[in-house]
Each structure stands twice: as structure tokens, then as C-alpha cells.
N, C-alpha and C. Protein backbone atom coordinates (compact mmCIF):
# COMPACT_ATOMS: atom_id res chain seq x y z
N UNK A 1 65.45 -38.98 47.81
CA UNK A 1 65.63 -40.37 47.47
C UNK A 1 67.12 -40.63 47.23
N UNK A 2 67.61 -41.72 47.75
CA UNK A 2 69.00 -42.10 47.62
C UNK A 2 69.27 -42.67 46.23
N UNK A 3 70.40 -42.28 45.65
CA UNK A 3 70.78 -42.78 44.33
C UNK A 3 71.25 -44.22 44.46
N UNK A 4 70.72 -45.10 43.61
CA UNK A 4 71.13 -46.50 43.61
C UNK A 4 71.63 -46.87 42.21
N UNK A 5 72.34 -47.97 42.13
CA UNK A 5 72.94 -48.40 40.88
C UNK A 5 72.22 -49.61 40.28
N UNK A 6 72.36 -49.79 38.96
CA UNK A 6 71.89 -51.04 38.36
C UNK A 6 72.89 -52.14 38.69
N UNK A 7 72.48 -53.37 38.55
CA UNK A 7 73.39 -54.50 38.69
C UNK A 7 73.93 -54.76 37.28
N UNK A 8 75.18 -54.46 37.08
CA UNK A 8 75.77 -54.50 35.74
C UNK A 8 76.26 -55.89 35.32
N UNK A 9 76.65 -56.70 36.26
CA UNK A 9 77.26 -57.99 35.98
C UNK A 9 76.21 -59.10 35.94
N UNK A 10 76.13 -59.81 34.81
CA UNK A 10 75.13 -60.86 34.63
C UNK A 10 75.36 -62.02 35.61
N UNK A 11 76.62 -62.34 35.90
CA UNK A 11 76.91 -63.41 36.85
C UNK A 11 76.40 -63.06 38.25
N UNK A 12 76.48 -61.79 38.61
CA UNK A 12 75.96 -61.34 39.90
C UNK A 12 74.44 -61.48 39.94
N UNK A 13 73.79 -61.16 38.82
CA UNK A 13 72.34 -61.32 38.73
C UNK A 13 71.97 -62.79 38.95
N UNK A 14 72.71 -63.69 38.30
CA UNK A 14 72.44 -65.12 38.45
C UNK A 14 72.65 -65.57 39.90
N UNK A 15 73.69 -65.06 40.54
CA UNK A 15 73.96 -65.40 41.94
C UNK A 15 72.83 -64.91 42.83
N UNK A 16 72.30 -63.72 42.54
CA UNK A 16 71.18 -63.18 43.32
C UNK A 16 69.94 -64.05 43.14
N UNK A 17 69.70 -64.50 41.91
CA UNK A 17 68.54 -65.35 41.64
C UNK A 17 68.65 -66.67 42.40
N UNK A 18 69.85 -67.24 42.41
CA UNK A 18 70.06 -68.49 43.16
C UNK A 18 69.84 -68.29 44.65
N UNK A 19 70.33 -67.19 45.18
CA UNK A 19 70.18 -66.89 46.60
C UNK A 19 68.70 -66.67 46.94
N UNK A 20 67.98 -65.93 46.09
CA UNK A 20 66.56 -65.69 46.32
C UNK A 20 65.76 -66.99 46.25
N UNK A 21 66.12 -67.87 45.33
CA UNK A 21 65.42 -69.15 45.20
C UNK A 21 65.47 -69.94 46.50
N UNK A 22 66.60 -69.86 47.21
CA UNK A 22 66.77 -70.58 48.47
C UNK A 22 65.81 -70.08 49.55
N UNK A 23 65.51 -68.79 49.52
CA UNK A 23 64.70 -68.23 50.61
C UNK A 23 63.22 -68.06 50.27
N UNK A 24 62.90 -67.66 49.03
CA UNK A 24 61.50 -67.37 48.72
C UNK A 24 61.27 -67.28 47.21
N UNK A 25 60.39 -68.12 46.69
CA UNK A 25 60.03 -68.05 45.27
C UNK A 25 59.31 -66.73 44.98
N UNK A 26 58.52 -66.25 45.93
CA UNK A 26 57.84 -64.95 45.76
C UNK A 26 58.86 -63.85 45.52
N UNK A 27 59.91 -63.81 46.34
CA UNK A 27 60.93 -62.78 46.22
C UNK A 27 61.73 -62.94 44.93
N UNK A 28 61.96 -64.18 44.52
CA UNK A 28 62.63 -64.45 43.25
C UNK A 28 61.78 -63.92 42.10
N UNK A 29 60.48 -64.17 42.14
CA UNK A 29 59.58 -63.69 41.09
C UNK A 29 59.59 -62.16 41.04
N UNK A 30 59.56 -61.52 42.19
CA UNK A 30 59.60 -60.05 42.26
C UNK A 30 60.87 -59.54 41.56
N UNK A 31 62.00 -60.14 41.88
CA UNK A 31 63.28 -59.74 41.31
C UNK A 31 63.29 -59.96 39.79
N UNK A 32 62.90 -61.14 39.35
CA UNK A 32 62.93 -61.48 37.93
C UNK A 32 61.94 -60.63 37.13
N UNK A 33 60.77 -60.41 37.67
CA UNK A 33 59.77 -59.56 36.99
C UNK A 33 60.29 -58.13 36.89
N UNK A 34 60.91 -57.64 37.95
CA UNK A 34 61.44 -56.27 37.95
C UNK A 34 62.57 -56.06 36.96
N UNK A 35 63.52 -57.00 36.92
CA UNK A 35 64.69 -56.80 36.04
C UNK A 35 64.41 -57.15 34.59
N UNK A 36 63.30 -57.81 34.33
CA UNK A 36 62.96 -58.18 32.95
C UNK A 36 61.90 -57.29 32.30
N UNK A 37 61.28 -56.41 33.08
CA UNK A 37 60.23 -55.56 32.51
C UNK A 37 60.45 -54.07 32.71
N UNK A 38 61.11 -53.68 33.78
CA UNK A 38 61.29 -52.27 34.07
C UNK A 38 60.06 -51.62 34.67
N UNK A 39 59.12 -52.42 35.12
CA UNK A 39 57.90 -51.90 35.74
C UNK A 39 58.26 -51.19 37.04
N UNK A 40 57.60 -50.08 37.31
CA UNK A 40 57.87 -49.35 38.55
C UNK A 40 57.50 -50.19 39.76
N UNK A 41 58.15 -49.92 40.86
CA UNK A 41 57.91 -50.70 42.08
C UNK A 41 56.45 -50.61 42.51
N UNK A 42 55.87 -49.44 42.47
CA UNK A 42 54.48 -49.28 42.87
C UNK A 42 53.57 -50.17 42.01
N UNK A 43 53.80 -50.19 40.71
CA UNK A 43 53.00 -51.04 39.82
C UNK A 43 53.25 -52.52 40.10
N UNK A 44 54.50 -52.90 40.35
CA UNK A 44 54.81 -54.29 40.69
C UNK A 44 54.02 -54.74 41.92
N UNK A 45 54.04 -53.90 42.94
CA UNK A 45 53.41 -54.28 44.20
C UNK A 45 51.88 -54.36 44.11
N UNK A 46 51.31 -53.68 43.14
CA UNK A 46 49.85 -53.70 42.99
C UNK A 46 49.35 -54.73 41.98
N UNK A 47 50.27 -55.53 41.43
CA UNK A 47 49.85 -56.57 40.49
C UNK A 47 49.03 -57.64 41.22
N UNK A 48 48.04 -58.14 40.52
CA UNK A 48 47.26 -59.27 41.04
C UNK A 48 47.57 -60.49 40.19
N UNK A 49 47.18 -61.64 40.67
CA UNK A 49 47.42 -62.88 39.94
C UNK A 49 46.79 -62.80 38.56
N UNK A 50 45.56 -62.28 38.46
CA UNK A 50 44.88 -62.22 37.16
C UNK A 50 45.55 -61.29 36.16
N UNK A 51 46.40 -60.38 36.63
CA UNK A 51 47.14 -59.50 35.72
C UNK A 51 48.16 -60.28 34.90
N UNK A 52 48.69 -61.37 35.45
CA UNK A 52 49.78 -62.10 34.80
C UNK A 52 49.45 -63.55 34.46
N UNK A 53 48.29 -64.01 34.90
CA UNK A 53 47.93 -65.42 34.75
C UNK A 53 46.54 -65.54 34.16
N UNK A 54 46.40 -66.37 33.11
CA UNK A 54 45.08 -66.50 32.47
C UNK A 54 44.26 -67.67 33.03
N UNK A 55 44.75 -68.30 34.07
CA UNK A 55 44.06 -69.45 34.66
C UNK A 55 44.73 -70.76 34.30
N UNK A 56 45.46 -70.77 33.20
CA UNK A 56 46.17 -71.96 32.73
C UNK A 56 47.68 -71.75 32.66
N UNK A 57 48.05 -70.54 32.25
CA UNK A 57 49.48 -70.24 32.05
C UNK A 57 49.73 -68.74 32.18
N UNK A 58 51.01 -68.39 32.11
CA UNK A 58 51.38 -66.97 32.18
C UNK A 58 50.88 -66.26 30.94
N UNK A 59 50.40 -65.05 31.11
CA UNK A 59 50.01 -64.24 29.96
C UNK A 59 51.28 -63.80 29.24
N UNK A 60 51.15 -63.50 27.97
CA UNK A 60 52.30 -63.04 27.20
C UNK A 60 52.61 -61.58 27.49
N UNK A 61 51.57 -60.80 27.75
CA UNK A 61 51.74 -59.37 28.04
C UNK A 61 50.99 -59.00 29.31
N UNK A 62 51.56 -58.06 30.01
CA UNK A 62 50.94 -57.46 31.18
C UNK A 62 50.57 -56.05 30.77
N UNK A 63 49.35 -55.64 31.05
CA UNK A 63 48.90 -54.30 30.68
C UNK A 63 48.70 -53.47 31.93
N UNK A 64 49.36 -52.29 31.95
CA UNK A 64 49.27 -51.40 33.11
C UNK A 64 48.91 -50.01 32.61
N UNK A 65 47.92 -49.41 33.28
CA UNK A 65 47.51 -48.05 32.93
C UNK A 65 48.35 -47.06 33.72
N UNK A 66 48.93 -46.10 33.00
CA UNK A 66 49.71 -45.03 33.63
C UNK A 66 48.72 -44.07 34.28
N UNK A 67 48.84 -43.88 35.59
CA UNK A 67 47.89 -43.04 36.32
C UNK A 67 47.95 -41.58 35.88
N UNK A 68 49.14 -41.11 35.49
CA UNK A 68 49.28 -39.70 35.09
C UNK A 68 48.67 -39.43 33.73
N UNK A 69 48.94 -40.33 32.76
CA UNK A 69 48.52 -40.06 31.38
C UNK A 69 47.27 -40.83 30.97
N UNK A 70 46.94 -41.89 31.70
CA UNK A 70 45.81 -42.73 31.32
C UNK A 70 46.16 -43.72 30.21
N UNK A 71 47.40 -43.63 29.70
CA UNK A 71 47.86 -44.52 28.65
C UNK A 71 48.08 -45.93 29.20
N UNK A 72 47.65 -46.93 28.44
CA UNK A 72 47.86 -48.32 28.84
C UNK A 72 49.11 -48.82 28.12
N UNK A 73 50.05 -49.35 28.92
CA UNK A 73 51.30 -49.87 28.36
C UNK A 73 51.33 -51.38 28.48
N UNK A 74 51.90 -52.00 27.47
CA UNK A 74 52.05 -53.46 27.46
C UNK A 74 53.49 -53.80 27.82
N UNK A 75 53.65 -54.74 28.72
CA UNK A 75 54.97 -55.22 29.13
C UNK A 75 55.05 -56.70 28.80
N UNK A 76 56.07 -57.08 28.05
CA UNK A 76 56.25 -58.46 27.63
C UNK A 76 56.72 -59.31 28.81
N UNK A 77 56.05 -60.43 29.03
CA UNK A 77 56.44 -61.37 30.09
C UNK A 77 57.21 -62.51 29.43
N UNK A 78 58.52 -62.47 29.54
CA UNK A 78 59.36 -63.44 28.83
C UNK A 78 59.35 -64.82 29.50
N UNK A 79 60.07 -65.75 28.90
CA UNK A 79 60.11 -67.13 29.37
C UNK A 79 60.63 -67.29 30.79
N UNK A 80 61.60 -66.47 31.18
CA UNK A 80 62.15 -66.55 32.55
C UNK A 80 61.07 -66.20 33.57
N UNK A 81 60.29 -65.16 33.26
CA UNK A 81 59.20 -64.76 34.15
C UNK A 81 58.16 -65.86 34.21
N UNK A 82 57.75 -66.37 33.06
CA UNK A 82 56.72 -67.41 32.98
C UNK A 82 57.12 -68.64 33.78
N UNK A 83 58.37 -69.04 33.66
CA UNK A 83 58.87 -70.23 34.36
C UNK A 83 58.74 -70.09 35.88
N UNK A 84 59.16 -68.95 36.39
CA UNK A 84 59.11 -68.73 37.84
C UNK A 84 57.68 -68.49 38.30
N UNK A 85 56.87 -67.87 37.45
CA UNK A 85 55.47 -67.65 37.77
C UNK A 85 54.73 -68.97 37.94
N UNK A 86 54.98 -69.92 37.05
CA UNK A 86 54.37 -71.25 37.16
C UNK A 86 54.79 -71.91 38.47
N UNK A 87 56.07 -71.84 38.76
CA UNK A 87 56.59 -72.43 40.00
C UNK A 87 55.97 -71.78 41.24
N UNK A 88 55.88 -70.47 41.22
CA UNK A 88 55.32 -69.72 42.35
C UNK A 88 53.84 -70.03 42.55
N UNK A 89 53.07 -69.95 41.48
CA UNK A 89 51.63 -70.14 41.61
C UNK A 89 51.25 -71.58 41.91
N UNK A 90 52.11 -72.53 41.56
CA UNK A 90 51.82 -73.92 41.90
C UNK A 90 52.17 -74.24 43.36
N UNK A 91 52.91 -73.32 44.00
CA UNK A 91 53.32 -73.56 45.39
C UNK A 91 52.39 -72.90 46.41
N UNK A 92 51.43 -72.10 45.96
CA UNK A 92 50.53 -71.41 46.89
C UNK A 92 49.07 -71.62 46.47
N UNK A 93 48.18 -71.41 47.43
CA UNK A 93 46.75 -71.43 47.14
C UNK A 93 46.36 -69.99 46.85
N UNK A 94 45.90 -69.69 45.65
CA UNK A 94 45.64 -68.31 45.26
C UNK A 94 44.27 -68.14 44.62
N UNK A 95 43.83 -66.90 44.64
CA UNK A 95 42.61 -66.48 43.93
C UNK A 95 43.06 -65.46 42.89
N UNK A 96 42.30 -65.32 41.83
CA UNK A 96 42.66 -64.42 40.73
C UNK A 96 42.87 -62.98 41.20
N UNK A 97 42.09 -62.56 42.21
CA UNK A 97 42.19 -61.17 42.66
C UNK A 97 43.25 -60.95 43.75
N UNK A 98 43.95 -62.00 44.16
CA UNK A 98 45.01 -61.86 45.16
C UNK A 98 46.16 -61.03 44.61
N UNK A 99 46.79 -60.27 45.49
CA UNK A 99 48.01 -59.58 45.10
C UNK A 99 49.07 -60.62 44.78
N UNK A 100 49.82 -60.39 43.74
CA UNK A 100 50.86 -61.33 43.33
C UNK A 100 51.95 -61.43 44.40
N UNK A 101 52.30 -60.30 44.99
CA UNK A 101 53.35 -60.27 46.01
C UNK A 101 52.72 -60.02 47.38
N UNK A 102 51.87 -60.95 47.75
CA UNK A 102 51.10 -60.86 48.98
C UNK A 102 52.03 -61.02 50.19
N UNK A 103 51.75 -60.22 51.19
CA UNK A 103 52.48 -60.31 52.45
C UNK A 103 52.18 -61.66 53.10
N UNK A 104 53.12 -62.15 53.88
CA UNK A 104 52.88 -63.40 54.61
C UNK A 104 51.99 -63.17 55.82
N UNK A 105 51.81 -61.89 56.20
CA UNK A 105 51.02 -61.54 57.38
C UNK A 105 49.53 -61.37 57.08
N UNK A 106 49.23 -60.79 55.91
CA UNK A 106 47.82 -60.53 55.58
C UNK A 106 47.64 -60.55 54.06
N UNK A 107 46.50 -60.09 53.58
CA UNK A 107 46.18 -60.17 52.15
C UNK A 107 46.73 -58.99 51.35
N UNK A 108 47.34 -58.03 52.02
CA UNK A 108 47.89 -56.87 51.31
C UNK A 108 49.23 -57.21 50.67
N UNK A 109 49.67 -56.38 49.71
CA UNK A 109 50.98 -56.63 49.11
C UNK A 109 52.11 -56.28 50.08
N UNK A 110 53.29 -56.81 49.82
CA UNK A 110 54.43 -56.43 50.65
C UNK A 110 54.69 -54.94 50.44
N UNK A 111 55.43 -54.33 51.35
CA UNK A 111 55.67 -52.89 51.29
C UNK A 111 56.94 -52.57 50.52
N UNK A 112 57.08 -51.29 50.16
CA UNK A 112 58.30 -50.81 49.52
C UNK A 112 59.51 -51.07 50.41
N UNK A 113 59.32 -50.88 51.71
CA UNK A 113 60.40 -51.09 52.66
C UNK A 113 60.83 -52.56 52.68
N UNK A 114 59.85 -53.44 52.59
CA UNK A 114 60.17 -54.87 52.57
C UNK A 114 60.95 -55.23 51.30
N UNK A 115 60.57 -54.65 50.17
CA UNK A 115 61.30 -54.89 48.92
C UNK A 115 62.74 -54.40 49.08
N UNK A 116 62.90 -53.23 49.66
CA UNK A 116 64.24 -52.69 49.89
C UNK A 116 65.07 -53.66 50.73
N UNK A 117 64.48 -54.17 51.81
CA UNK A 117 65.19 -55.12 52.68
C UNK A 117 65.56 -56.40 51.92
N UNK A 118 64.62 -56.91 51.13
CA UNK A 118 64.86 -58.15 50.36
C UNK A 118 66.03 -57.95 49.39
N UNK A 119 65.95 -56.89 48.60
CA UNK A 119 66.98 -56.64 47.56
C UNK A 119 68.33 -56.35 48.21
N UNK A 120 68.33 -55.54 49.26
CA UNK A 120 69.58 -55.21 49.93
C UNK A 120 70.22 -56.43 50.57
N UNK A 121 69.41 -57.25 51.21
CA UNK A 121 69.93 -58.44 51.89
C UNK A 121 70.60 -59.39 50.88
N UNK A 122 69.90 -59.68 49.80
CA UNK A 122 70.46 -60.62 48.82
C UNK A 122 71.69 -60.02 48.13
N UNK A 123 71.69 -58.71 47.92
CA UNK A 123 72.86 -58.05 47.32
C UNK A 123 74.08 -58.21 48.21
N UNK A 124 73.90 -58.04 49.50
CA UNK A 124 75.01 -58.19 50.45
C UNK A 124 75.47 -59.65 50.50
N UNK A 125 74.52 -60.57 50.41
CA UNK A 125 74.85 -62.00 50.43
C UNK A 125 75.76 -62.40 49.28
N UNK A 126 75.58 -61.76 48.12
CA UNK A 126 76.39 -62.12 46.96
C UNK A 126 77.59 -61.19 46.78
N UNK A 127 77.79 -60.29 47.75
CA UNK A 127 79.00 -59.47 47.74
C UNK A 127 78.92 -58.13 47.04
N UNK A 128 77.73 -57.63 46.78
CA UNK A 128 77.60 -56.30 46.17
C UNK A 128 77.79 -55.26 47.26
N UNK A 129 78.69 -54.33 47.02
CA UNK A 129 78.92 -53.28 48.02
C UNK A 129 78.37 -51.93 47.56
N UNK A 130 77.97 -51.83 46.29
CA UNK A 130 77.40 -50.59 45.77
C UNK A 130 76.05 -50.31 46.43
N UNK A 131 75.55 -49.09 46.25
CA UNK A 131 74.23 -48.73 46.77
C UNK A 131 73.18 -49.44 45.94
N UNK A 132 72.37 -50.23 46.62
CA UNK A 132 71.33 -51.03 45.98
C UNK A 132 70.01 -50.74 46.68
N UNK A 133 68.94 -50.70 45.91
CA UNK A 133 67.62 -50.48 46.49
C UNK A 133 66.55 -50.98 45.56
N UNK A 134 65.32 -50.62 45.84
CA UNK A 134 64.19 -51.08 45.05
C UNK A 134 64.28 -50.59 43.60
N UNK A 135 64.79 -49.38 43.38
CA UNK A 135 64.94 -48.85 42.02
C UNK A 135 66.00 -49.60 41.23
N UNK A 136 66.83 -50.37 41.91
CA UNK A 136 67.87 -51.14 41.24
C UNK A 136 67.27 -52.09 40.21
N UNK A 137 66.10 -52.64 40.48
CA UNK A 137 65.47 -53.58 39.55
C UNK A 137 65.20 -52.88 38.21
N UNK A 138 64.58 -51.73 38.28
CA UNK A 138 64.22 -50.95 37.10
C UNK A 138 65.47 -50.49 36.35
N UNK A 139 66.45 -50.04 37.10
CA UNK A 139 67.70 -49.57 36.49
C UNK A 139 68.45 -50.73 35.84
N UNK A 140 68.41 -51.89 36.46
CA UNK A 140 69.08 -53.07 35.90
C UNK A 140 68.43 -53.44 34.57
N UNK A 141 67.10 -53.42 34.53
CA UNK A 141 66.39 -53.67 33.27
C UNK A 141 66.87 -52.72 32.19
N UNK A 142 66.82 -51.43 32.46
CA UNK A 142 67.19 -50.42 31.47
C UNK A 142 68.64 -50.53 31.03
N UNK A 143 69.52 -50.75 31.98
CA UNK A 143 70.95 -50.85 31.69
C UNK A 143 71.23 -52.02 30.73
N UNK A 144 70.66 -53.18 31.04
CA UNK A 144 70.90 -54.35 30.20
C UNK A 144 70.17 -54.27 28.87
N UNK A 145 68.99 -53.68 28.86
CA UNK A 145 68.28 -53.48 27.59
C UNK A 145 69.13 -52.59 26.67
N UNK A 146 69.67 -51.52 27.24
CA UNK A 146 70.52 -50.60 26.47
C UNK A 146 71.74 -51.33 25.91
N UNK A 147 72.40 -52.13 26.74
CA UNK A 147 73.61 -52.82 26.31
C UNK A 147 73.33 -54.01 25.39
N UNK A 148 72.07 -54.42 25.29
CA UNK A 148 71.71 -55.47 24.33
C UNK A 148 71.21 -54.87 23.02
N UNK A 149 71.26 -53.54 22.93
CA UNK A 149 70.95 -52.88 21.67
C UNK A 149 69.53 -52.36 21.52
N UNK A 150 68.74 -52.40 22.59
CA UNK A 150 67.39 -51.84 22.51
C UNK A 150 67.52 -50.32 22.40
N UNK A 151 66.79 -49.73 21.48
CA UNK A 151 66.88 -48.29 21.25
C UNK A 151 66.57 -47.51 22.53
N UNK A 152 67.37 -46.51 22.78
CA UNK A 152 67.19 -45.70 23.99
C UNK A 152 65.81 -45.05 24.01
N UNK A 153 65.26 -44.77 22.83
CA UNK A 153 63.91 -44.17 22.77
C UNK A 153 62.85 -45.14 23.31
N UNK A 154 63.05 -46.43 23.09
CA UNK A 154 62.11 -47.44 23.59
C UNK A 154 62.26 -47.56 25.11
N UNK A 155 63.50 -47.59 25.57
CA UNK A 155 63.74 -47.68 27.02
C UNK A 155 63.18 -46.44 27.71
N UNK A 156 63.39 -45.28 27.10
CA UNK A 156 62.86 -44.01 27.63
C UNK A 156 61.35 -44.10 27.79
N UNK A 157 60.68 -44.66 26.80
CA UNK A 157 59.23 -44.78 26.83
C UNK A 157 58.79 -45.74 27.94
N UNK A 158 59.45 -46.87 28.06
CA UNK A 158 59.11 -47.85 29.10
C UNK A 158 59.27 -47.24 30.49
N UNK A 159 60.35 -46.48 30.67
CA UNK A 159 60.63 -45.89 31.98
C UNK A 159 59.89 -44.58 32.23
N UNK A 160 59.11 -44.13 31.24
CA UNK A 160 58.35 -42.87 31.34
C UNK A 160 59.23 -41.66 31.58
N UNK A 161 60.36 -41.59 30.89
CA UNK A 161 61.23 -40.44 31.01
C UNK A 161 60.90 -39.43 29.92
N UNK A 162 61.33 -38.18 30.14
CA UNK A 162 61.02 -37.12 29.19
C UNK A 162 62.08 -36.95 28.11
N UNK A 163 63.32 -37.39 28.39
CA UNK A 163 64.38 -37.23 27.40
C UNK A 163 65.34 -38.41 27.46
N UNK A 164 66.05 -38.62 26.36
CA UNK A 164 67.05 -39.69 26.34
C UNK A 164 68.19 -39.38 27.29
N UNK A 165 68.51 -38.10 27.44
CA UNK A 165 69.58 -37.71 28.38
C UNK A 165 69.19 -38.11 29.81
N UNK A 166 67.92 -37.91 30.15
CA UNK A 166 67.43 -38.31 31.48
C UNK A 166 67.56 -39.82 31.65
N UNK A 167 67.21 -40.58 30.62
CA UNK A 167 67.28 -42.04 30.69
C UNK A 167 68.72 -42.51 30.83
N UNK A 168 69.62 -41.97 30.04
CA UNK A 168 71.03 -42.36 30.13
C UNK A 168 71.60 -42.04 31.52
N UNK A 169 71.25 -40.89 32.04
CA UNK A 169 71.69 -40.50 33.39
C UNK A 169 71.12 -41.46 34.43
N UNK A 170 69.85 -41.79 34.31
CA UNK A 170 69.17 -42.71 35.23
C UNK A 170 69.84 -44.08 35.24
N UNK A 171 70.26 -44.53 34.05
CA UNK A 171 70.88 -45.84 33.93
C UNK A 171 72.36 -45.84 34.32
N UNK A 172 72.91 -44.66 34.48
CA UNK A 172 74.32 -44.56 34.84
C UNK A 172 75.23 -44.83 33.65
N UNK A 173 74.74 -44.55 32.45
CA UNK A 173 75.54 -44.76 31.24
C UNK A 173 76.32 -43.48 30.96
N UNK A 174 77.63 -43.60 30.92
CA UNK A 174 78.52 -42.46 30.66
C UNK A 174 78.65 -42.25 29.15
N UNK A 175 79.03 -41.05 28.75
CA UNK A 175 79.24 -40.75 27.33
C UNK A 175 80.20 -41.75 26.69
N UNK A 176 81.25 -42.13 27.43
CA UNK A 176 82.25 -43.06 26.89
C UNK A 176 81.68 -44.46 26.68
N UNK A 177 80.57 -44.77 27.37
CA UNK A 177 79.94 -46.10 27.28
C UNK A 177 78.92 -46.19 26.15
N UNK A 178 78.49 -45.03 25.63
CA UNK A 178 77.44 -45.05 24.63
C UNK A 178 77.91 -45.81 23.40
N UNK A 179 77.05 -46.68 22.93
CA UNK A 179 77.40 -47.59 21.85
C UNK A 179 77.00 -47.02 20.50
N UNK A 180 77.79 -47.36 19.47
CA UNK A 180 77.35 -46.98 18.12
C UNK A 180 76.10 -47.77 17.77
N UNK A 181 75.27 -47.18 16.99
CA UNK A 181 74.02 -47.84 16.60
C UNK A 181 74.30 -48.84 15.50
N UNK A 182 73.84 -50.06 15.69
CA UNK A 182 74.04 -51.12 14.70
C UNK A 182 72.66 -51.49 14.14
N UNK A 183 72.43 -51.10 12.91
CA UNK A 183 71.18 -51.43 12.26
C UNK A 183 71.49 -52.50 11.23
N UNK A 184 71.07 -53.72 11.53
CA UNK A 184 71.38 -54.85 10.66
C UNK A 184 70.06 -55.43 10.14
N UNK A 185 69.56 -54.84 9.08
CA UNK A 185 68.29 -55.29 8.50
C UNK A 185 68.45 -56.69 7.94
N UNK A 186 69.60 -56.98 7.36
CA UNK A 186 69.96 -58.32 6.91
C UNK A 186 68.91 -58.94 6.01
N UNK A 187 68.52 -58.21 4.99
CA UNK A 187 67.54 -58.71 4.02
C UNK A 187 68.19 -59.74 3.18
């Protein structure tokens, strides 16, 4: 597997979202869901409408069972995801059991290769020259969560890594970048 990088610059992320909006709300939702949850690509592609939608609105949490451990993990669906989900689902005719990222050709989900093409194309459109791929979504989530102060142990758990060193390496965080821990209980 080729090593890819997270998207570190927030302005670049916004530019990618704008570019994706022009071409496909489905692809925009894929991008936003990936960078806001850290869900693996395989799990993203197998999501159905009923996994994220209760019939009226976006669910607050998405629950995914880890095939290796059998553990069910909850992923928070934030306001950005909900907003695009509403827009996406109002633009298509869907059934609860439909794949969320349904191919335009048939009822199956889009492929990993298609996701790679989508992400790579939009990255080039906004001027990213680094190696970008499907794992970039997950890495971007972890990188920004880390830099916003989320404990590395939580990120490690979300990404299903065995050690914090593995997570830091995966995110491309150098020793010099590691932040001091700020615990502000502020009682």
C-alpha cells in the first residue's frame, strides 16, 4: 500500500469541499463523513441510508461493528455531516436499505478505486501535490483531532491502532510536533 498524507491545511479542506460540491453532493458527503469521523473506507462504502438517517433527520451517532473484535463503536455525526446528508438525501430517491454511496451505474456502492479517483482528482484541482488517496480521509480526521487536543488514546481507539506510537506515525506527527497536554478543568 502506498503511503499517503493527511490534508493539514484547513483552507485546502474548504477548497476541496467547494470543488466537490460543484461536481457531486454524494462525493462531498463521502469526503465530509470521512474527515469528520475517521471511519475506515470499507465501512464508509458499506453504509446504508438507514445507518445514518432515522427517516426524518440525521442520526446523532452511527454504530459500526468491528468485524475482527465484534465490538460495536459509536461515531458522532456532527452538524457538518448532518447538513450535507440532508442536502444529499433530498436530492435523490432513496430506500432505507440503499447504500449511502451508491454507484451511478447500479445499486452497489462505489468502489475503493473510484474513491481514490475522486479524492485524487479534487486534490489536484485545488493544487495539492502530496501523495493523496482514500486513506487521506482517515488520516486527515486523526491529524486534526490530535491538533484540536483530542487525546491520542481516543484517536488510537477510533482508528483501531495497537499503540499511540503507531497512531502518531500513521498521522505523520513528528516528535517536534507533539503538543503539551492542556488539562483545563476550569471548575
